[in-house]
Each structure stands twice: as C-alpha cells, then as structure tokens.
Protein backbone atom coordinates (compact mmCIF):
# COMPACT_ATOMS: atom_id res chain seq x y z
CA MET A 1 94.63 94.74 99.13
CA VAL A 2 98.21 93.42 99.38
CA GLU A 3 98.12 92.24 95.74
CA ARG A 4 96.89 95.66 94.63
CA GLN A 5 99.70 97.46 96.55
CA HIS A 6 102.27 95.05 95.07
CA ALA A 7 100.91 95.73 91.56
CA MET A 8 101.10 99.50 92.17
CA THR A 9 104.73 99.17 93.37
CA MET A 10 105.68 97.11 90.33
CA GLY A 11 103.93 99.64 88.10
CA LEU A 12 105.85 102.53 89.68
CA GLN A 13 109.18 100.74 89.22
CA LEU A 14 108.33 100.02 85.58
CA ARG A 15 107.45 103.69 85.03
CA LEU A 16 110.79 104.79 86.51
CA VAL A 17 112.71 102.44 84.20
CA LEU A 18 110.72 103.62 81.18
CA PHE A 19 111.21 107.25 82.24
CA LYS A 20 114.98 106.79 82.32
CA ARG A 21 114.96 105.12 78.92
CA LEU A 22 112.71 107.82 77.46
CA ASN A 23 115.01 110.53 78.87
CA TYR A 24 118.00 109.06 77.06
CA LYS A 25 116.03 108.68 73.85
CA LEU A 26 114.61 112.19 74.15
CA LEU A 27 118.09 113.64 74.74
CA LEU A 28 119.40 111.88 71.65
CA LYS A 29 116.46 113.17 69.60
CA HIS A 30 117.08 116.76 70.72
CA ILE A 31 120.82 116.54 69.98
CA SER A 32 120.14 114.98 66.59
CA GLY A 33 117.60 117.69 65.77
CA TRP A 34 119.98 120.52 66.63
CA VAL A 35 122.84 118.90 64.72
CA ILE A 36 120.68 118.56 61.59
CA PHE A 37 119.40 122.16 61.93
CA ILE A 38 122.89 123.63 62.42
CA ILE A 39 124.37 121.63 59.53
CA TYR A 40 121.49 122.78 57.31
CA GLU A 41 122.01 126.46 58.16
CA ILE A 42 125.80 126.34 57.81
CA SER A 43 125.53 124.50 54.48
CA PHE A 44 122.91 126.96 53.21
CA VAL A 45 125.12 129.97 54.02
CA ARG A 46 128.20 128.25 52.59
CA PHE A 47 126.59 127.44 49.25
CA SER A 48 124.68 130.74 49.05
CA ILE A 49 127.38 133.34 49.74
CA GLY A 50 130.45 131.16 50.08
CA VAL A 51 131.19 132.10 53.69
CA PHE A 52 132.33 129.68 56.38
CA ALA A 53 133.02 131.18 59.82
CA PRO A 54 135.48 129.77 62.39
CA LEU A 55 134.24 126.90 64.54
CA GLN A 56 134.32 128.96 67.74
CA ASN A 57 131.80 131.39 66.24
CA TYR A 58 129.32 128.62 65.56
CA LEU A 59 129.79 127.17 69.04
CA CYS A 60 129.21 130.53 70.75
CA TYR A 61 126.29 131.77 68.65
CA TYR A 62 124.39 128.48 68.43
CA GLY A 63 125.06 127.86 72.13
CA LEU A 64 123.38 131.19 72.91
CA ASN A 65 120.44 130.32 70.64
CA VAL A 66 119.98 126.91 72.29
CA VAL A 67 120.05 128.50 75.75
CA LEU A 68 117.40 131.03 74.68
CA PHE A 69 115.24 128.25 73.21
CA TYR A 70 115.19 126.02 76.30
CA CYS A 71 115.16 128.85 78.83
CA ASN A 72 112.01 130.21 77.23
CA ALA A 73 110.31 126.80 76.88
CA HIS A 74 111.18 125.28 80.25
CA LEU A 75 111.59 128.25 82.59
CA ILE A 76 109.91 131.45 81.43
CA LEU A 77 106.67 130.16 79.88
CA PRO A 78 105.91 127.50 82.58
CA PHE A 79 106.44 130.17 85.25
CA ALA A 80 104.45 132.90 83.48
CA ILE A 81 101.47 130.71 82.55
CA LYS A 82 100.72 130.10 86.26
CA SER A 83 100.16 133.82 86.98
CA ARG A 84 96.67 135.29 86.91
CA ARG A 85 97.59 137.93 84.34
CA ASN A 86 99.69 135.69 82.11
CA TYR A 87 98.49 137.54 79.01
CA ILE A 88 100.55 140.53 80.25
CA ILE A 89 103.38 138.69 82.00
CA ILE A 90 104.31 136.48 79.03
CA PRO A 91 104.92 139.35 76.51
CA LEU A 92 106.83 141.35 79.12
CA LEU A 93 109.11 138.43 79.97
CA MET A 94 109.70 137.72 76.28
CA VAL A 95 110.75 141.34 75.72
CA LEU A 96 113.08 141.00 78.69
CA GLU A 97 114.48 137.78 77.20
CA LEU A 98 115.13 139.55 73.89
CA PHE A 99 116.91 142.39 75.69
CA PHE A 100 119.31 140.01 77.46
CA TYR A 101 119.70 137.98 74.27
CA LEU A 102 120.79 141.10 72.33
CA LEU A 103 123.06 142.10 75.21
CA PHE A 104 124.83 138.73 75.23
CA LYS A 105 124.94 138.70 71.43
CA TYR A 106 126.63 142.11 71.43
CA ALA A 107 129.12 140.86 74.02
CA LEU A 108 129.89 137.79 71.88
CA ASP A 109 130.28 139.89 68.73
CA THR A 110 132.67 142.21 70.57
CA VAL A 111 134.76 139.39 72.06
CA LEU A 112 134.98 137.43 68.81
CA ALA A 113 135.84 140.56 66.82
CA PHE A 114 138.51 141.48 69.39
CA SER A 115 140.06 138.02 68.98
CA LYS A 116 140.55 138.92 65.29
CA ASN A 117 141.99 142.35 66.16
CA GLN A 118 138.77 144.02 65.03
CA VAL A 119 136.61 146.58 66.81
CA ILE A 120 132.81 146.87 66.48
CA SER A 121 131.49 150.28 67.38
CA GLN A 122 128.00 150.73 68.78
CA THR A 123 126.98 152.69 65.67
CA ILE A 124 128.03 149.88 63.33
CA TYR A 125 126.37 147.33 65.58
CA ILE A 126 123.07 149.21 65.63
CA LYS A 127 123.03 149.83 61.88
CA GLN A 128 124.26 146.44 60.66
CA LEU A 129 123.70 143.81 63.36
CA LEU A 130 120.83 144.91 65.62
CA LEU A 131 117.95 144.08 63.28
CA PRO A 132 119.37 140.68 62.16
CA ASN A 133 120.08 139.74 65.78
CA LEU A 134 116.60 140.91 66.82
CA TYR A 135 115.01 138.88 64.03
CA ARG A 136 117.14 135.88 65.03
CA GLY A 137 116.06 136.13 68.66
CA ILE A 138 112.36 136.52 67.75
CA SER A 139 112.51 133.46 65.46
CA PHE A 140 114.03 131.28 68.20
CA LEU A 141 111.50 132.58 70.74
CA GLY A 142 108.69 131.73 68.33
CA CYS A 143 109.99 128.20 67.72
CA SER A 144 110.50 127.75 71.46
CA SER A 145 106.94 128.89 72.21
CA LEU A 146 105.58 126.47 69.60
CA TYR A 147 107.66 123.67 71.14
CA TRP A 148 106.30 124.55 74.61
CA ALA A 149 102.71 124.56 73.32
CA VAL A 150 103.15 121.12 71.74
CA LEU A 151 104.61 119.76 75.00
CA ARG A 152 101.73 121.24 76.97
CA MET A 153 99.20 119.72 74.59
CA MET A 154 100.86 116.28 74.87
CA LEU A 155 100.91 116.57 78.67
CA PHE A 156 97.23 117.46 78.71
CA ARG A 157 96.44 114.52 76.43
CA ASN A 158 98.37 112.13 78.71
CA ARG A 159 96.54 113.45 81.76
CA VAL A 160 93.19 112.96 80.04
CA HIS A 161 94.23 109.40 79.15
CA GLU A 162 95.33 108.69 82.74
CA SER A 163 92.11 110.20 84.06
CA GLU A 164 90.03 108.02 81.77
CA THR A 165 92.05 104.95 82.75
CA THR A 166 91.61 105.75 86.45
CA HIS A 167 87.89 106.29 85.90
CA LEU A 168 87.61 102.89 84.21
CA VAL A 169 89.48 101.24 87.11
CA ILE A 170 87.15 102.92 89.60
CA LEU A 171 84.11 101.75 87.61
CA LYS A 172 85.50 98.22 87.55
CA GLU A 173 86.13 98.23 91.31
CA LYS A 174 82.67 99.69 91.89
CA ALA A 175 81.11 96.93 89.79
CA GLU A 176 83.04 94.31 91.78
CA LEU A 177 81.92 95.88 95.07
CA GLU A 178 78.31 95.92 93.91
CA LYS A 179 78.63 92.28 92.88
CA ASN A 180 80.11 91.34 96.27
CA LEU A 181 77.40 93.32 98.03
CA ALA A 182 74.70 91.54 96.04
CA GLU A 183 76.24 88.16 96.91
CA ALA A 184 76.48 89.13 100.57
CA MET A 185 72.86 90.30 100.61
CA THR A 186 71.78 87.03 98.97
CA ALA A 187 73.68 85.01 101.56
CA TYR A 188 72.24 87.16 104.34
CA LEU A 189 68.69 86.66 103.08
CA GLN A 190 69.26 82.92 102.72
CA GLN A 191 70.27 82.79 106.39
CA GLN A 192 67.11 84.63 107.38
CA ILE A 193 64.61 82.19 105.86
CA SER A 194 61.76 82.01 108.32
CA PRO A 195 63.82 82.85 111.46
CA HIS A 196 60.69 83.30 113.55
CA LEU A 197 59.49 79.85 112.56
CA LEU A 198 62.86 78.41 113.59
CA PHE A 199 62.89 80.23 116.95
CA ASN A 200 59.30 79.27 117.67
CA THR A 201 60.09 75.63 116.90
CA LEU A 202 63.12 75.64 119.19
CA THR A 203 61.09 77.29 121.94
CA PHE A 204 58.44 74.58 121.49
CA ILE A 205 61.14 71.88 121.82
CA HIS A 206 62.42 73.55 125.00
CA ASN A 207 58.96 73.73 126.58
CA THR A 208 58.15 70.15 125.56
CA TYR A 209 61.31 68.49 126.87
CA TYR A 210 61.99 70.77 129.86
CA LYS A 211 60.48 68.30 132.32
CA HIS A 212 62.31 65.32 130.79
CA SER A 213 65.78 66.77 130.27
CA ARG A 214 66.77 70.13 131.70
CA THR A 215 70.23 69.82 130.11
CA ALA A 216 68.79 69.46 126.61
CA SER A 217 66.36 72.31 127.23
CA GLN A 218 69.21 74.53 128.45
CA CYS A 219 71.18 73.71 125.29
CA VAL A 220 68.22 74.75 123.18
CA LEU A 221 67.90 78.09 125.02
CA LEU A 222 71.60 78.82 124.63
CA LEU A 223 71.43 77.94 120.94
CA VAL A 224 68.42 80.23 120.43
CA ASP A 225 70.26 83.08 122.16
CA ILE A 226 73.33 82.65 119.95
CA MET A 227 71.22 82.44 116.79
CA ARG A 228 69.25 85.55 117.72
CA PHE A 229 72.54 87.42 118.19
CA SER A 230 73.85 86.27 114.78
CA LEU A 231 70.66 87.57 113.11
CA GLU A 232 70.38 90.72 115.21
CA GLU A 233 70.44 94.04 113.37
CA VAL A 234 73.57 96.13 113.93
CA ASP A 235 74.04 99.91 113.99
CA ILE A 236 74.79 102.07 110.94
CA LYS A 237 78.53 101.27 111.21
CA GLY A 238 77.84 97.53 111.26
CA LYS A 239 78.88 97.15 114.90
CA THR A 240 77.44 95.76 118.11
CA THR A 241 78.53 96.14 121.72
CA LEU A 242 81.51 94.10 122.90
CA LYS A 243 79.47 93.13 125.96
CA LYS A 244 76.95 91.27 123.76
CA GLU A 245 79.72 89.51 121.84
CA ILE A 246 81.32 88.33 125.08
CA ALA A 247 77.93 87.17 126.38
CA GLN A 248 77.56 84.93 123.32
CA ILE A 249 81.07 83.57 123.84
CA GLN A 250 80.01 82.62 127.36
CA ASN A 251 76.85 81.02 125.96
CA PHE A 252 78.91 79.10 123.42
CA ILE A 253 81.29 77.83 126.11
CA GLU A 254 78.38 76.84 128.32
CA LEU A 255 76.66 75.07 125.42
CA ASN A 256 79.73 72.97 124.70
CA GLN A 257 80.28 72.22 128.38
CA LEU A 258 76.71 70.87 128.52
CA ARG A 259 77.37 68.78 125.43
CA PHE A 260 80.43 67.15 127.00
CA ASP A 261 79.12 66.98 130.57
CA TYR A 262 81.55 69.67 131.79
CA GLU A 263 84.61 67.63 130.84
CA LEU A 264 86.22 70.49 128.89
CA TYR A 265 89.04 72.54 130.45
CA ILE A 266 88.85 76.21 129.46
CA ASP A 267 90.35 79.26 131.15
CA PHE A 268 88.17 82.21 130.09
CA LYS A 269 88.95 85.71 131.41
CA VAL A 270 87.70 89.22 130.58
CA ALA A 271 89.34 92.45 131.76
CA GLY A 272 88.75 96.14 131.11
CA ASN A 273 85.72 98.24 130.22
CA VAL A 274 83.61 96.21 127.79
CA GLU A 275 80.36 98.06 128.44
CA SER A 276 80.78 100.94 125.98
CA ALA A 277 83.20 99.33 123.49
CA GLN A 278 81.86 98.36 120.07
CA ILE A 279 82.98 95.74 117.56
CA ILE A 280 81.72 94.12 114.37
CA PRO A 281 79.76 91.01 115.45
CA LEU A 282 80.87 87.37 115.33
CA ILE A 283 84.62 88.10 115.06
CA LEU A 284 85.58 86.88 118.54
CA LEU A 285 82.81 84.27 118.52
CA THR A 286 84.20 82.75 115.29
CA LEU A 287 87.71 82.58 116.79
CA THR A 288 86.24 80.91 119.88
CA GLU A 289 84.29 78.44 117.74
CA ASN A 290 87.55 77.50 116.01
CA ILE A 291 88.92 76.34 119.39
CA PHE A 292 86.03 73.92 119.97
CA LYS A 293 86.05 72.75 116.36
CA HIS A 294 89.73 71.86 116.07
CA GLY A 295 90.98 71.86 119.67
CA TYR A 296 91.46 69.07 122.19
CA LEU A 297 90.03 70.40 125.47
CA LYS A 298 89.85 67.29 127.67
CA GLU A 299 93.33 67.50 129.16
CA LYS A 300 93.65 69.56 132.34
CA LYS A 301 97.36 70.24 131.92
CA GLY A 302 96.74 71.64 128.46
CA GLU A 303 93.57 73.60 129.15
CA ALA A 304 92.48 76.04 126.47
CA LYS A 305 92.89 79.75 127.16
CA ILE A 306 90.68 82.63 126.04
CA TYR A 307 91.65 86.08 127.34
CA ILE A 308 89.87 89.30 126.32
CA THR A 309 91.26 92.67 127.47
CA VAL A 310 90.30 96.28 126.70
CA ASN A 311 92.79 98.95 127.81
CA ALA A 312 92.34 102.68 128.51
CA GLN A 313 93.09 103.55 124.85
CA ASN A 314 90.09 101.43 123.76
CA GLU A 315 92.38 98.78 122.29
CA LEU A 316 91.13 95.21 122.31
CA LYS A 317 93.44 92.24 122.82
CA PHE A 318 92.09 88.74 122.19
CA GLU A 319 94.37 85.82 123.06
CA SER A 320 93.58 82.15 122.65
CA TRP A 321 95.59 78.93 122.86
CA ASN A 322 94.60 75.27 122.66
CA LEU A 323 95.93 71.81 121.97
CA LYS A 324 95.06 70.35 118.56
CA LYS A 325 92.85 67.38 117.81
CA HIS A 326 94.41 64.58 115.84
CA GLU A 327 92.49 65.04 112.59
CA PRO A 328 93.38 64.75 108.90
CA GLU A 329 95.17 67.77 107.39
CA LYS A 330 92.55 68.09 104.62
CA ARG A 331 89.79 68.52 107.17
CA ARG A 332 91.68 71.34 108.88
CA LEU A 333 92.32 73.09 105.56
CA ARG A 334 88.60 73.10 104.75
CA SER A 335 87.91 75.48 107.65
CA ILE A 336 87.08 78.94 106.34
CA GLY A 337 86.26 80.61 109.67
CA ILE A 338 89.58 82.41 110.10
CA LYS A 339 89.67 83.36 106.39
CA ASN A 340 86.30 85.06 106.78
CA VAL A 341 87.52 86.81 109.94
CA LEU A 342 90.51 88.19 108.01
CA LYS A 343 88.32 89.48 105.20
CA ARG A 344 85.97 91.24 107.62
CA LEU A 345 88.86 92.74 109.61
CA ASP A 346 90.46 94.04 106.38
CA TYR A 347 87.18 95.61 105.34
CA SER A 348 86.20 97.19 108.66
CA TYR A 349 89.53 97.95 110.38
CA GLN A 350 92.11 97.94 107.54
CA HIS A 351 95.43 99.02 109.12
CA HIS A 352 94.06 99.29 112.66
CA TYR A 353 94.50 95.66 113.64
CA LYS A 354 97.18 92.98 113.95
CA LEU A 355 96.45 89.27 113.81
CA LYS A 356 99.16 86.79 114.78
CA ILE A 357 98.54 83.06 114.33
CA SER A 358 100.85 80.47 115.89
CA ASP A 359 100.15 77.14 114.20
CA GLU A 360 102.43 74.59 115.87
CA GLU A 361 102.47 70.82 115.47
CA ASP A 362 100.45 70.13 118.64
CA SER A 363 98.96 73.53 119.50
CA PHE A 364 97.26 76.51 117.94
CA GLY A 365 97.32 80.13 119.17
CA VAL A 366 95.74 83.39 118.07
CA GLU A 367 96.61 86.93 119.16
CA LEU A 368 94.39 89.74 117.86
CA MET A 369 95.12 93.41 118.60
CA MET A 370 92.67 95.99 117.27
CA GLN A 371 91.66 99.60 117.82
CA LEU A 372 87.95 99.68 118.58
C-alpha cells in the first residue's frame, strides 16, 4: 500500500514536470505557427499588389484576429458545448462574436485612419470594408472551431487511453487478489486436514493420562481449546468476539505456566467492555505468543506485561512489554508472526489502527491502537 502511494506521488510529480515542459513547447509551436502564417499573408499581399502597410496596422489587426481565434476556441465553444441546447447556443454566440469583432475592427480602422489624418465614413465602411471584414471574421471563426474540434478529439483519445490503462491495472490487481485468495484458501484447507481426527486423538490422550498426570491432561485440554478457536468459523466480516480472543490468551498463558511449573512472571489485565466488541481472530493471540517465544519471563523484577483496554468509543488498546531472551539475531529475524499481523491489520483496518513497536537491546514492547 505504501509503495503504491509512493509510486502514485512520483507519477504525479513527473506529470507536473512534463506538463510544464509541454506548455513551453506548445507555446513556442503556437507562436511559430502564427509567425509563419502572418509572414505568408504579408508576403502574398506584397508580391500580389505591391502594398505593405505600417507595422502598427499589422500588430492591431492580427492581434484582434488572434484574440478572436483563442476566445472562440477556449472560452465560447467549451462553455456553449456544456449547455443542453448547444446546437442553438453555439450559432448564437458565434454571431455575437462576429458582431463584436466587426465593432472592434471598425474602431481600429477609424483610429488608424485618424492617425493618418483620414476619415472613414460609415457609408464607405459598409460598402468597402464590411464584407471583407465579415469574411475575415468568419474564416478565423471557422479555423478556430476546427482547432477546438481537434483538441477535443485528442482529449477524448487521451481519456480513452487512460481509461484502458486504468482498466488493465484493475484487472492486474484483481488477478493478484484472486491469486492471493487461492493461496490463502489452500493454506486454510491444509490447516484443516482431518481436524476432527486430531481433536478426537487429543481427547483420547487426555482421558488416558488424566489419572496419571493431571497437569499433562490440562495442557491437552487447553491446547484443544486454542486449536478449536483457530479453526472456528467467523462471521461474514471475518471477525469474532473480543471476549473469545481474550479467553484464548488466558488459555495460552495458563498453558505456558503449566509447562514451566508456574515460574513465569506475567501481569495480565483486561479493562472495559469486551463482551460486545468484535475483532479479527488471532491478532492479539499472535502478539501474546511472540512474548513467550522470544521473551525472558523468569525474572520477577522484569515481569512481562499484557494490558488490554476498550474505551467508550469502542477503541482497543493492546500494550505488551517483556525482557528479551539471549538468542541469535538470525533466529529472531525468522519470526513472521508480527509481519502477518501487519498484513492482516492493513487488509481489515487500513487507516484505523496504529502499531508502535519498541525493539530495545534488552526489551521488546508493542502498543496497538485500533478502532473496532
């Protein structure tokens, strides 16, 4: 999960960098395109009729044409296409654009003519300049609409590509989940090989040796109870009651006390309402098992601690602390109990838990907070 979020963050940063680079490149392409187009038109007019207007005329007129082009492509059409009756709105807005275009063009013609001490009357403008200006505006609107359509088509193609890519990622993740589920089911079935035969055999051992060794018989009964709990069916959410989990922790502590003739020092406390609370099974039991597997529990001053608390907000707090056994580092690294606990917590509780592990030189502590 963390690796996937890191990959998504890196991907987003890469997209932002590429977007900035593409923006610069796209801006240069647009400027180059307009420069080539303007040079072509000016050269064509110059060689055709031998006329070359002042620079300010070209700046004003082509500036107005560029504004019309991009205003239509990036403001008017994107806004109009979202309306329900876009087939009516688009033509109306284009007519309105042409009206303002002709208005500004008339204003420019008047200002530029006035700068040359010339006057353009409305009659002359209508007879000589209206139709050319109208044709000019329609041609730029047409090119702008074609440009907008191409952009829209490219955007749609990119979205289709992203959708297909996302679909492939989902299919891949689904295949991995199905594979993991199949492996989990296989492991689960392997653990259930003839459970009744195993329980019946253990019960037979208990009944046979009860008269000879009550301690051994008690150990067998506790072991049977723990094994039944580990194979017990859970509800549809994969959970069991916290009360049952705590009962098995007590059985596990009692079993180990019997093994070591009650020479283990453990402070075990439970507080809060554990009757109605639910939890995925074997989480707390696995953490408890880790204490007996790697902890040194025969020193009274350094007795192990296991505290389980459920508050009014249905939040569980599991705290444990124990001294460490003196064992090789490789042996400790081979333990996969806590790794499995982390995987199951990530799957079932995701962001609704916090696990803090204090691995010191001589001691080991665990603090688990989770919303049940």
